[in-house]
Protein backbone atom coordinates (compact mmCIF):
# COMPACT_ATOMS: atom_id res chain seq x y z
CA MET A 1 -121.39 74.23 28.06
CA PHE A 2 -118.29 75.34 29.98
CA ASP A 3 -116.94 71.88 30.97
CA GLU A 4 -114.74 71.31 27.85
CA LEU A 5 -113.07 74.79 28.05
CA ALA A 6 -112.68 74.55 31.98
CA ALA A 7 -110.77 71.30 31.50
CA GLN A 8 -108.25 72.67 28.97
CA SER A 9 -104.71 73.70 30.08
CA VAL A 10 -103.85 77.35 29.96
CA GLY A 11 -100.81 76.51 27.88
CA GLY A 12 -102.91 77.09 24.80
CA PHE A 13 -103.82 80.72 25.97
CA VAL A 14 -100.48 82.02 26.84
CA VAL A 15 -99.64 85.38 25.41
CA ASP A 16 -96.73 87.68 25.46
CA PHE A 17 -97.18 90.76 27.75
CA PRO A 18 -94.91 93.35 29.17
CA VAL A 19 -93.64 92.26 32.58
CA LEU A 20 -92.17 94.92 35.05
CA SER A 21 -90.03 94.26 38.08
CA GLY A 22 -91.15 95.46 41.50
CA SER A 23 -88.07 97.84 41.60
CA GLN A 24 -89.15 99.78 38.65
CA PRO A 25 -90.72 103.21 39.13
CA VAL A 26 -94.54 103.94 38.77
CA TYR A 27 -94.04 106.29 35.75
CA GLU A 28 -92.72 103.26 33.69
CA ALA A 29 -95.80 101.22 34.68
CA LEU A 30 -98.09 103.93 33.32
CA GLY A 31 -96.55 103.52 29.81
CA VAL A 32 -97.44 99.91 29.89
CA LEU A 33 -100.89 100.39 31.03
CA GLN A 34 -101.52 102.92 28.38
CA ARG A 35 -100.74 100.44 25.70
CA THR A 36 -103.18 97.73 26.86
CA GLU A 37 -106.85 97.88 27.32
CA LEU A 38 -106.74 95.95 30.50
CA MET A 39 -106.61 97.69 33.97
CA SER A 40 -103.74 95.47 35.39
CA PHE A 41 -100.55 93.74 34.30
CA PRO A 42 -98.08 91.31 35.96
CA VAL A 43 -95.16 92.28 38.09
CA LYS A 44 -92.11 90.06 39.20
CA LEU A 45 -91.59 90.74 42.89
CA GLU A 46 -88.44 90.21 44.87
CA LYS A 47 -90.27 87.10 46.35
CA GLY A 48 -93.15 85.80 44.27
CA TYR A 49 -95.41 87.52 41.75
CA GLY A 50 -97.96 90.23 41.73
CA VAL A 51 -100.32 92.26 39.71
CA LEU A 52 -100.40 95.94 39.45
CA GLN A 53 -103.95 97.41 39.14
CA ALA A 54 -104.81 100.96 37.94
CA HIS A 55 -106.80 101.90 41.09
CA SER A 56 -103.79 101.06 43.19
CA MET A 57 -101.48 103.36 41.18
CA LEU A 58 -103.88 106.28 42.16
CA LYS A 59 -102.49 105.98 45.83
CA VAL A 60 -99.01 106.80 44.76
CA LYS A 61 -97.66 110.19 45.82
CA SER A 62 -94.39 110.20 43.71
CA PRO A 63 -93.80 109.04 40.18
CA ASP A 64 -90.54 107.49 41.34
CA THR A 65 -92.27 105.16 43.83
CA LYS A 66 -91.38 101.56 43.27
CA ILE A 67 -94.36 99.54 41.84
CA GLY A 68 -93.68 96.52 44.07
CA LEU A 69 -95.01 98.42 47.02
CA PHE A 70 -98.46 98.70 45.44
CA ALA A 71 -98.55 95.43 43.47
CA LYS A 72 -101.05 92.80 44.74
CA ARG A 73 -99.51 89.40 45.51
CA VAL A 74 -101.20 86.63 43.43
CA PRO A 75 -100.68 82.96 42.67
CA ALA A 76 -98.61 82.01 39.53
CA LEU A 77 -99.92 79.60 37.15
CA SER A 78 -98.06 76.70 35.25
CA GLN A 79 -98.87 75.84 31.74
CA ASP A 80 -100.65 72.68 33.03
CA THR A 81 -103.09 74.59 35.18
CA SER A 82 -106.68 74.30 33.93
CA VAL A 83 -108.55 77.13 32.41
CA GLY A 84 -111.25 76.50 35.07
CA ALA A 85 -108.80 76.90 37.94
CA ALA A 86 -107.39 79.94 36.45
CA ALA A 87 -110.64 81.46 35.92
CA LYS A 88 -111.62 80.81 39.51
CA LEU A 89 -108.21 82.36 40.78
CA MET A 90 -109.00 85.40 38.71
CA VAL A 91 -112.41 85.80 40.26
CA GLU A 92 -111.20 85.30 43.74
CA HIS A 93 -108.29 87.68 43.47
CA ARG A 94 -110.16 90.25 41.36
CA VAL A 95 -107.60 90.51 38.66
CA GLN A 96 -107.63 90.45 34.88
CA VAL A 97 -104.29 88.79 34.26
CA LEU A 98 -102.30 86.05 35.98
CA PRO A 99 -98.56 85.24 35.33
CA ILE A 100 -97.57 81.91 33.98
CA VAL A 101 -94.38 80.63 35.38
CA GLU A 102 -91.75 78.12 34.53
CA ASP A 103 -88.51 77.66 36.63
CA GLU A 104 -89.42 80.84 38.63
CA GLU A 105 -89.48 82.88 35.54
CA ILE A 106 -92.67 84.60 33.92
CA ILE A 107 -92.79 83.03 30.37
CA GLY A 108 -96.13 84.64 29.62
CA VAL A 109 -99.65 85.77 30.98
CA LEU A 110 -103.16 84.62 30.96
CA ARG A 111 -105.55 87.33 30.06
CA ALA A 112 -109.19 87.30 30.99
CA ASP A 113 -110.28 88.77 27.65
CA ARG A 114 -108.34 85.84 25.85
CA VAL A 115 -110.12 83.15 27.97
CA LEU A 116 -113.47 84.86 27.25
CA SER A 117 -112.75 84.69 23.49
CA GLY A 118 -112.68 81.02 23.93
CA VAL A 119 -116.12 81.16 25.79
CA LEU A 120 -117.44 83.12 22.95
CA LYS A 121 -116.45 80.68 20.39
CA ARG A 122 -118.33 77.84 22.13
CA GLY A 123 -121.36 79.77 23.14
CA ALA A 124 -123.24 80.13 26.45
CA LYS A 125 -126.83 79.31 25.79
CA GLY A 126 -129.53 79.98 28.40
CA LEU A 127 -127.40 82.64 30.27
CA SER A 128 -128.65 86.17 30.63
CA ILE A 129 -126.52 89.27 31.49
CA THR A 130 -128.57 89.83 34.51
CA ASP A 131 -127.50 86.48 35.89
CA ILE A 132 -124.06 87.68 36.43
CA MET A 133 -124.40 91.33 36.86
CA THR A 134 -123.29 93.37 40.03
CA SER A 135 -126.55 95.18 41.01
CA ASN A 136 -126.45 98.64 42.44
CA PRO A 137 -122.85 99.44 41.54
CA ILE A 138 -120.97 102.37 43.19
CA THR A 139 -121.64 105.58 40.83
CA ILE A 140 -120.52 109.05 40.74
CA ASP A 141 -122.45 112.17 39.55
CA ALA A 142 -121.09 114.21 36.47
CA ASN A 143 -120.59 117.23 38.66
CA ASP A 144 -118.47 115.55 41.33
CA THR A 145 -114.73 116.21 41.33
CA LEU A 146 -112.06 114.00 40.20
CA GLY A 147 -110.88 113.88 43.74
CA LYS A 148 -113.87 112.12 44.75
CA ALA A 149 -113.47 109.70 41.87
CA VAL A 150 -109.97 108.96 43.06
CA ARG A 151 -111.39 108.44 46.60
CA LEU A 152 -114.09 105.97 45.41
CA PHE A 153 -111.49 104.07 43.21
CA THR A 154 -109.00 103.62 45.96
CA GLU A 155 -111.26 103.07 48.93
CA ASN A 156 -113.49 100.45 47.09
CA ARG A 157 -110.52 99.00 45.02
CA ILE A 158 -112.67 99.21 41.80
CA ASP A 159 -111.63 100.47 38.41
CA HIS A 160 -115.05 101.48 36.79
CA LEU A 161 -117.46 104.25 38.02
CA PRO A 162 -120.66 104.80 36.04
CA VAL A 163 -121.33 108.41 35.70
CA LEU A 164 -124.90 109.60 36.30
CA SER A 165 -126.51 112.98 35.47
CA LYS A 166 -129.86 113.70 37.13
CA GLY A 167 -130.21 109.86 37.89
CA ARG A 168 -129.57 108.81 34.37
CA VAL A 169 -126.61 107.19 32.80
CA ALA A 170 -124.23 109.75 31.35
CA GLY A 171 -121.16 107.56 30.84
CA MET A 172 -118.23 105.95 32.39
CA VAL A 173 -115.00 106.98 33.83
CA THR A 174 -112.32 104.48 34.82
CA SER A 175 -109.22 104.48 36.97
CA LYS A 176 -107.05 104.55 33.98
CA ASN A 177 -108.84 107.59 32.51
CA VAL A 178 -107.89 109.45 35.69
CA LEU A 179 -104.37 108.09 35.73
CA VAL A 180 -103.69 109.23 32.18
CA LEU A 181 -104.88 112.83 32.97
CA LEU A 182 -103.03 112.83 36.33
CA LEU A 183 -99.72 111.70 35.07
CA SER A 184 -99.56 113.82 31.95
CA PRO A 185 -96.28 115.79 31.79
CA GLY A 186 -98.14 119.20 32.14
CA GLU A 187 -99.79 117.98 35.18
CA LYS A 188 -96.68 117.17 37.02
CA LEU A 189 -94.89 120.35 36.21
CA THR A 190 -97.78 122.78 36.87
CA GLN A 191 -99.32 121.10 40.06
CA GLY A 192 -95.92 119.82 41.58
CA GLY A 193 -98.12 117.22 43.13
CA TRP A 194 -99.23 113.70 42.62
CA GLY A 195 -102.28 111.68 43.17
CA LEU A 196 -105.23 112.83 45.13
CA GLU A 197 -103.40 116.02 46.15
CA ALA A 198 -102.99 117.23 42.59
CA LEU A 199 -106.40 116.22 41.61
CA ASN A 200 -108.14 118.21 44.56
CA GLN A 201 -106.24 121.27 43.52
CA LYS A 202 -107.75 121.30 40.13
CA ARG A 203 -111.26 120.19 41.25
CA LEU A 204 -112.09 119.06 37.81
CA PRO A 205 -115.64 117.70 37.34
CA VAL A 206 -115.91 114.04 36.28
CA GLY A 207 -118.11 114.92 33.48
CA GLY A 208 -115.15 116.49 31.69
CA ILE A 209 -113.34 113.07 31.03
CA THR A 210 -116.53 110.90 30.82
CA VAL A 211 -116.84 108.79 27.85
CA GLY A 212 -119.72 106.97 26.40
CA PRO A 213 -120.53 103.61 27.97
CA VAL A 214 -120.59 100.20 26.59
CA ALA A 215 -124.12 99.10 27.47
CA SER A 216 -126.47 96.23 27.51
CA GLU A 217 -130.15 95.94 27.96
CA VAL A 218 -131.69 94.08 30.78
CA ASN A 219 -132.11 90.27 30.09
CA GLU A 220 -129.68 90.46 27.18
CA ASP A 221 -128.09 87.29 26.12
CA TYR A 222 -124.74 86.67 27.82
CA SER A 223 -122.89 85.82 24.45
CA GLU A 224 -124.26 88.96 22.70
CA ALA A 225 -123.09 91.26 25.66
CA LEU A 226 -119.76 89.46 25.70
CA LYS A 227 -119.21 89.79 21.99
CA ARG A 228 -119.81 93.64 22.32
CA VAL A 229 -117.48 93.89 25.07
CA LEU A 230 -114.62 92.00 23.31
CA GLU A 231 -115.18 93.72 19.95
CA SER A 232 -115.00 97.23 21.64
CA ARG A 233 -111.93 96.01 23.53
CA SER A 234 -113.70 97.07 26.65
CA THR A 235 -113.49 95.68 30.21
CA TYR A 236 -117.12 96.10 31.25
CA THR A 237 -120.76 96.69 30.02
CA LEU A 238 -123.42 98.62 31.91
CA VAL A 239 -126.67 97.14 32.20
CA THR A 240 -129.61 99.44 31.60
CA LEU A 241 -133.26 99.79 31.41
CA GLY A 242 -133.74 102.67 29.12
CA GLU A 243 -131.50 105.39 30.66
CA GLU A 244 -131.67 103.87 34.16
CA LEU A 245 -128.71 102.00 35.49
CA GLN A 246 -129.52 98.44 36.72
CA GLY A 247 -125.92 97.01 37.16
CA ILE A 248 -122.50 96.38 35.75
CA VAL A 249 -120.73 93.46 34.30
CA THR A 250 -116.93 93.43 34.22
CA LEU A 251 -114.50 90.90 32.72
CA ARG A 252 -114.28 89.27 36.19
CA ASP A 253 -118.14 88.75 36.06
CA PHE A 254 -118.08 87.30 32.58
CA LEU A 255 -115.54 84.75 34.01
CA LYS A 256 -117.77 83.61 36.93
CA PRO A 257 -119.81 80.91 35.02
CA LEU A 258 -116.55 79.34 33.93
CA ALA A 259 -115.17 79.58 37.51
CA GLU A 260 -118.07 77.80 38.87
CA HIS A 261 -117.09 74.76 37.10
CA GLN A 262 -113.98 74.46 39.31
CA SER A 263 -114.91 73.35 42.73
CA THR A 264 -111.42 73.63 44.20
CA VAL A 265 -108.02 74.95 43.22
CA GLU A 266 -104.85 73.13 44.05
CA LEU A 267 -102.34 75.47 45.54
CA PRO A 268 -99.24 76.24 43.43
CA ILE A 269 -96.31 74.44 45.27
CA GLN A 270 -92.79 75.32 44.39
CA ILE A 271 -90.02 73.17 45.81
CA SER A 272 -86.37 74.06 45.59
CA GLY A 273 -83.23 72.31 46.78
CA LEU A 274 -84.22 68.56 46.15
CA SER A 275 -82.70 66.39 43.61
CA ASP A 276 -84.73 64.82 40.79
CA ASP A 277 -84.44 61.41 42.41
CA MET A 278 -85.83 62.63 45.69
CA LEU A 279 -88.86 64.24 43.80
CA ALA A 280 -89.35 61.23 41.55
CA ASP A 281 -91.25 59.09 44.21
CA GLY A 282 -93.68 61.91 44.99
CA ALA A 283 -93.68 61.33 48.68
CA ILE A 284 -92.46 64.80 49.52
CA LYS A 285 -95.05 66.41 47.15
CA GLN A 286 -97.64 64.30 48.87
CA LYS A 287 -96.64 65.79 52.26
CA LEU A 288 -96.87 69.40 50.74
CA LYS A 289 -100.29 68.61 49.17
CA ARG A 290 -101.63 67.40 52.63
CA LEU A 291 -100.23 70.66 54.15
CA ALA A 292 -101.84 72.72 51.31
CA ILE A 293 -105.19 71.14 51.91
CA HIS A 294 -105.06 71.73 55.61
CA ALA A 295 -103.78 75.26 55.15
CA THR A 296 -106.72 76.12 52.73
CA LYS A 297 -109.25 74.82 55.05
CA THR A 298 -107.96 77.01 58.01
CA ILE A 299 -106.45 79.94 56.02
CA PRO A 300 -108.62 80.29 52.96
CA SER A 301 -106.39 83.38 51.73
CA VAL A 302 -103.31 81.08 51.32
CA PHE A 303 -102.56 81.17 47.54
CA GLU A 304 -99.05 79.78 47.30
CA ILE A 305 -96.65 77.47 49.16
CA ARG A 306 -92.79 77.52 48.69
CA ALA A 307 -90.53 74.96 50.17
CA ARG A 308 -86.75 75.35 50.26
CA VAL A 309 -84.61 72.42 51.32
CA LYS A 310 -81.06 72.38 52.13
CA LYS A 311 -78.49 70.04 53.76
CA VAL A 312 -76.78 71.39 57.00
CA GLY A 313 -74.50 70.23 59.67
CA PRO A 314 -70.92 69.09 59.57
CA SER A 315 -71.77 65.71 57.84
CA GLY A 316 -74.35 67.26 55.44
CA LYS A 317 -76.89 64.71 56.42
CA THR A 318 -79.43 66.85 58.27
CA PHE A 319 -82.16 68.50 56.29
CA GLU A 320 -83.36 71.96 56.84
CA VAL A 321 -86.75 72.83 55.45
CA ASN A 322 -88.09 76.36 55.20
CA LEU A 323 -91.81 76.53 54.43
CA GLN A 324 -93.68 79.75 53.32
CA LEU A 325 -97.27 80.20 53.09
CA TYR A 326 -98.22 83.32 50.97
CA THR A 327 -101.52 85.22 51.66
CA PRO A 328 -102.41 88.67 50.27
CA LYS A 329 -101.59 90.26 53.68
CA LYS A 330 -98.78 88.30 55.12
CA THR A 331 -96.32 85.51 54.71
CA VAL A 332 -96.32 82.67 57.26
CA ASN A 333 -92.89 81.16 57.84
CA LEU A 334 -92.18 77.76 59.33
CA SER A 335 -88.79 75.77 59.47
CA ASP A 336 -87.43 72.70 61.08
CA THR A 337 -84.54 70.31 60.92
CA GLY A 338 -83.94 66.56 60.89
CA TYR A 339 -82.34 63.48 59.41
CA ASP A 340 -85.59 62.16 57.86
CA ILE A 341 -87.04 64.74 55.51
CA LEU A 342 -90.65 63.29 55.70
CA LYS A 343 -90.63 63.53 59.40
CA VAL A 344 -89.35 67.07 59.17
CA PHE A 345 -92.56 67.97 57.14
CA ASP A 346 -94.63 66.10 59.57
CA LYS A 347 -93.21 68.38 62.46
CA ILE A 348 -93.89 71.39 60.43
CA GLU A 349 -97.47 70.27 59.60
CA ARG A 350 -98.00 69.88 63.53
CA ARG A 351 -96.54 73.35 64.09
CA LEU A 352 -98.83 74.83 61.42
CA LYS A 353 -101.90 73.24 63.07
CA GLN A 354 -100.70 74.67 66.41
CA SER A 355 -100.17 78.15 65.12
CA ILE A 356 -103.56 78.16 63.50
CA LYS A 357 -105.26 76.98 66.71
CA GLN A 358 -103.43 79.72 68.59
CA GLU A 359 -104.59 82.36 66.04
CA VAL A 360 -108.18 81.06 66.19
CA ASN A 361 -108.29 80.78 69.91
CA PRO A 362 -105.58 83.10 71.34
CA PRO A 363 -104.87 82.63 75.11
CA LYS A 364 -106.82 84.85 77.28
CA LYS A 365 -104.82 87.66 79.03
CA ARG A 366 -104.68 87.35 82.65
CA PHE A 367 -104.48 90.41 84.92
CA PRO A 368 -103.29 90.47 88.51
CA LYS A 369 -106.05 90.62 91.09
CA ARG A 370 -106.48 94.07 92.76
CA MET A 371 -105.56 94.44 96.28
CA GLN A 372 -108.54 95.19 98.47
């Protein structure tokens, strides 16, 4: 039932969405966050693209901090990317939006709720809400402080905390709820602080900002629960048995059945510095594709590959290739030169294999023998 939608391109789901630069301050990001029901939005970084999430903003200590420092690096989509591949990337990277890029510029975004509207139109017969829920979610008591909520949000990198009172569901508090309170003008003036420090000073109970939850009964139909979430413009539903919490389902969880229809995701590969004629035969792209396949098998966290090619040397006949493999935590840089560009890529591939081999099996340290 998901096959048709999974095979479509994301081009039909592109929407306009505010895009900030990584050099802009956090207080500008809050304004964007308040105007959307989602918990994240795209950011154009100095190198690549990212998503700023509400729980990450709670780590900030100054409203003037640049948002690029807290944005999570994510892969960019093209308009030809399949919906199934995009859903898989959203699930893997735990985000609700992904940028859609053309000529290295963000032309729009793909939103999880927009994709799920497409799922709802087609139906999802035979699926229950319990099939996709996260059991035993992290919770907080209504009498606990907002400082504890911030700690749970940031340490666990989550945006939803079900609130319990005497073991029963009392409501929901989100990272965005806390942000809006934390960043209000009065808060900044009276507290003179930011983030966790300001919240710990106030010691406000979570129950003071708890809102009534969107909830579904155990074994409720997937489509019925999704319809309720989308109509309420929510990003989650709690799963309950009476007043007892059984689990939680976020937009990411709703995407999982669609993502499962995509066995692999081809890495986004961006090439610059080559003429149209050189790209036409596809030989270079094929080399990069082979590199991508090898990289994803050995470094599963790689989500983007960029290759920059330029001619160097007195005669301008030598190719210099700089290859960058992006992961959420680091960027692997490899470069080489030569007269035959295909052989240059072969050399880089061998170096990549060698560097991976050394990382997996680092050489043992040798210590000098002690004198008896």
